[in-house]
Amino acid sequence: MKEEIDWKKELLESGKFNNQFSKNILETGAKNYMQEIYMGYMYSRWRKIRGLTK
């Protein structure tokens, strides 16, 4: 069985995205299209940090 990883919680704990804007998006979710794009960017960075990219 695969373990579910909460990437948002992991990014918040790591301190890689420390500014208030990023914290707000990770905690409350994206409210518009541009925030969704930024959230996708943070997810992509998290995958690179974890070494999950090809």
N, C-alpha and C. Protein backbone atom coordinates (compact mmCIF):
# COMPACT_ATOMS: atom_id res chain seq x y z
N MET A 1 0.84 -1.18 0.00
CA MET A 1 0.00 0.00 0.00
C MET A 1 0.88 1.24 0.00
N LYS A 2 0.54 2.20 -0.84
CA LYS A 2 1.33 3.42 -0.93
C LYS A 2 0.99 4.39 0.20
N GLU A 3 2.00 5.08 0.64
CA GLU A 3 1.82 6.06 1.70
C GLU A 3 1.42 7.40 1.09
N GLU A 4 0.39 8.02 1.64
CA GLU A 4 -0.05 9.33 1.18
C GLU A 4 0.88 10.41 1.76
N ILE A 5 1.42 11.25 0.89
CA ILE A 5 2.31 12.31 1.32
C ILE A 5 1.60 13.65 1.14
N ASP A 6 1.54 14.42 2.19
CA ASP A 6 0.93 15.74 2.12
C ASP A 6 2.03 16.74 1.75
N TRP A 7 2.15 17.02 0.45
CA TRP A 7 3.24 17.86 -0.03
C TRP A 7 3.12 19.30 0.47
N LYS A 8 1.90 19.77 0.67
CA LYS A 8 1.71 21.14 1.16
C LYS A 8 2.24 21.28 2.58
N LYS A 9 1.90 20.32 3.43
CA LYS A 9 2.38 20.34 4.81
C LYS A 9 3.90 20.22 4.86
N GLU A 10 4.43 19.38 4.01
CA GLU A 10 5.88 19.19 3.97
C GLU A 10 6.60 20.47 3.54
N LEU A 11 6.04 21.18 2.56
CA LEU A 11 6.65 22.45 2.13
C LEU A 11 6.57 23.50 3.23
N LEU A 12 5.46 23.56 3.93
CA LEU A 12 5.32 24.52 5.03
C LEU A 12 6.34 24.25 6.12
N GLU A 13 6.56 22.99 6.45
CA GLU A 13 7.50 22.63 7.49
C GLU A 13 8.95 22.84 7.07
N SER A 14 9.23 22.70 5.76
CA SER A 14 10.60 22.82 5.30
C SER A 14 11.08 24.27 5.29
N GLY A 15 10.16 25.21 5.13
CA GLY A 15 10.55 26.62 5.10
C GLY A 15 11.10 27.06 3.75
N LYS A 16 10.91 26.26 2.70
CA LYS A 16 11.39 26.64 1.37
C LYS A 16 10.61 27.82 0.81
N PHE A 17 9.35 27.90 1.14
CA PHE A 17 8.50 29.00 0.68
C PHE A 17 8.02 29.75 1.92
N ASN A 18 8.82 30.66 2.41
CA ASN A 18 8.56 31.31 3.69
C ASN A 18 7.67 32.54 3.62
N ASN A 19 7.53 33.16 2.45
CA ASN A 19 6.79 34.42 2.43
C ASN A 19 5.30 34.20 2.72
N GLN A 20 4.64 35.25 3.11
CA GLN A 20 3.24 35.18 3.54
C GLN A 20 2.32 34.73 2.41
N PHE A 21 2.59 35.17 1.19
CA PHE A 21 1.77 34.80 0.04
C PHE A 21 1.77 33.28 -0.16
N SER A 22 2.95 32.69 -0.14
CA SER A 22 3.06 31.24 -0.34
C SER A 22 2.41 30.48 0.81
N LYS A 23 2.64 30.92 2.03
CA LYS A 23 2.04 30.26 3.18
C LYS A 23 0.52 30.29 3.10
N ASN A 24 -0.03 31.44 2.70
CA ASN A 24 -1.48 31.59 2.60
C ASN A 24 -2.05 30.62 1.56
N ILE A 25 -1.40 30.51 0.42
CA ILE A 25 -1.88 29.61 -0.63
C ILE A 25 -1.80 28.16 -0.16
N LEU A 26 -0.71 27.79 0.49
CA LEU A 26 -0.55 26.40 0.95
C LEU A 26 -1.56 26.05 2.04
N GLU A 27 -1.89 27.02 2.90
CA GLU A 27 -2.80 26.74 4.00
C GLU A 27 -4.26 26.78 3.59
N THR A 28 -4.64 27.76 2.77
CA THR A 28 -6.06 27.94 2.44
C THR A 28 -6.44 27.47 1.04
N GLY A 29 -5.47 27.27 0.17
CA GLY A 29 -5.77 26.84 -1.19
C GLY A 29 -5.82 28.03 -2.14
N ALA A 30 -5.78 27.73 -3.41
CA ALA A 30 -5.79 28.76 -4.44
C ALA A 30 -7.20 29.32 -4.62
N LYS A 31 -7.29 30.64 -4.78
CA LYS A 31 -8.58 31.29 -4.94
C LYS A 31 -8.84 31.74 -6.39
N ASN A 32 -7.78 31.81 -7.20
CA ASN A 32 -7.97 32.20 -8.59
C ASN A 32 -6.95 31.48 -9.47
N TYR A 33 -7.02 31.74 -10.76
CA TYR A 33 -6.20 31.04 -11.74
C TYR A 33 -4.70 31.26 -11.51
N MET A 34 -4.28 32.46 -11.26
CA MET A 34 -2.85 32.74 -11.08
C MET A 34 -2.31 32.06 -9.81
N GLN A 35 -3.10 31.98 -8.78
CA GLN A 35 -2.67 31.28 -7.57
C GLN A 35 -2.56 29.78 -7.84
N GLU A 36 -3.42 29.25 -8.69
CA GLU A 36 -3.33 27.84 -9.06
C GLU A 36 -2.04 27.57 -9.83
N ILE A 37 -1.67 28.48 -10.70
CA ILE A 37 -0.42 28.34 -11.44
C ILE A 37 0.76 28.36 -10.47
N TYR A 38 0.74 29.27 -9.51
CA TYR A 38 1.82 29.36 -8.53
C TYR A 38 1.86 28.11 -7.66
N MET A 39 0.71 27.55 -7.33
CA MET A 39 0.67 26.32 -6.55
C MET A 39 1.28 25.17 -7.35
N GLY A 40 1.02 25.15 -8.65
CA GLY A 40 1.64 24.14 -9.52
C GLY A 40 3.15 24.29 -9.55
N TYR A 41 3.63 25.53 -9.54
CA TYR A 41 5.06 25.80 -9.49
C TYR A 41 5.65 25.27 -8.19
N MET A 42 4.97 25.50 -7.07
CA MET A 42 5.47 25.02 -5.79
C MET A 42 5.49 23.49 -5.76
N TYR A 43 4.46 22.86 -6.34
CA TYR A 43 4.42 21.40 -6.40
C TYR A 43 5.59 20.86 -7.23
N SER A 44 5.85 21.53 -8.34
CA SER A 44 6.97 21.13 -9.19
C SER A 44 8.30 21.25 -8.45
N ARG A 45 8.47 22.34 -7.72
CA ARG A 45 9.70 22.52 -6.93
C ARG A 45 9.81 21.46 -5.85
N TRP A 46 8.70 21.11 -5.21
CA TRP A 46 8.72 20.07 -4.18
C TRP A 46 9.15 18.74 -4.77
N ARG A 47 8.63 18.42 -5.97
CA ARG A 47 9.03 17.17 -6.63
C ARG A 47 10.52 17.15 -6.92
N LYS A 48 11.09 18.28 -7.33
CA LYS A 48 12.53 18.35 -7.59
C LYS A 48 13.32 18.20 -6.30
N ILE A 49 12.84 18.82 -5.23
CA ILE A 49 13.52 18.72 -3.93
C ILE A 49 13.53 17.26 -3.46
N ARG A 50 12.43 16.57 -3.62
CA ARG A 50 12.32 15.17 -3.20
C ARG A 50 13.01 14.20 -4.15
N GLY A 51 13.36 14.67 -5.34
CA GLY A 51 14.01 13.80 -6.32
C GLY A 51 13.03 12.90 -7.05
N LEU A 52 11.81 13.36 -7.23
CA LEU A 52 10.77 12.57 -7.87
C LEU A 52 10.64 12.84 -9.37
N THR A 53 11.44 13.74 -9.91
CA THR A 53 11.38 14.04 -11.34
C THR A 53 12.23 13.05 -12.10
N LYS A 54 11.99 12.96 -13.38
CA LYS A 54 12.72 12.00 -14.22
C LYS A 54 14.11 12.49 -14.54
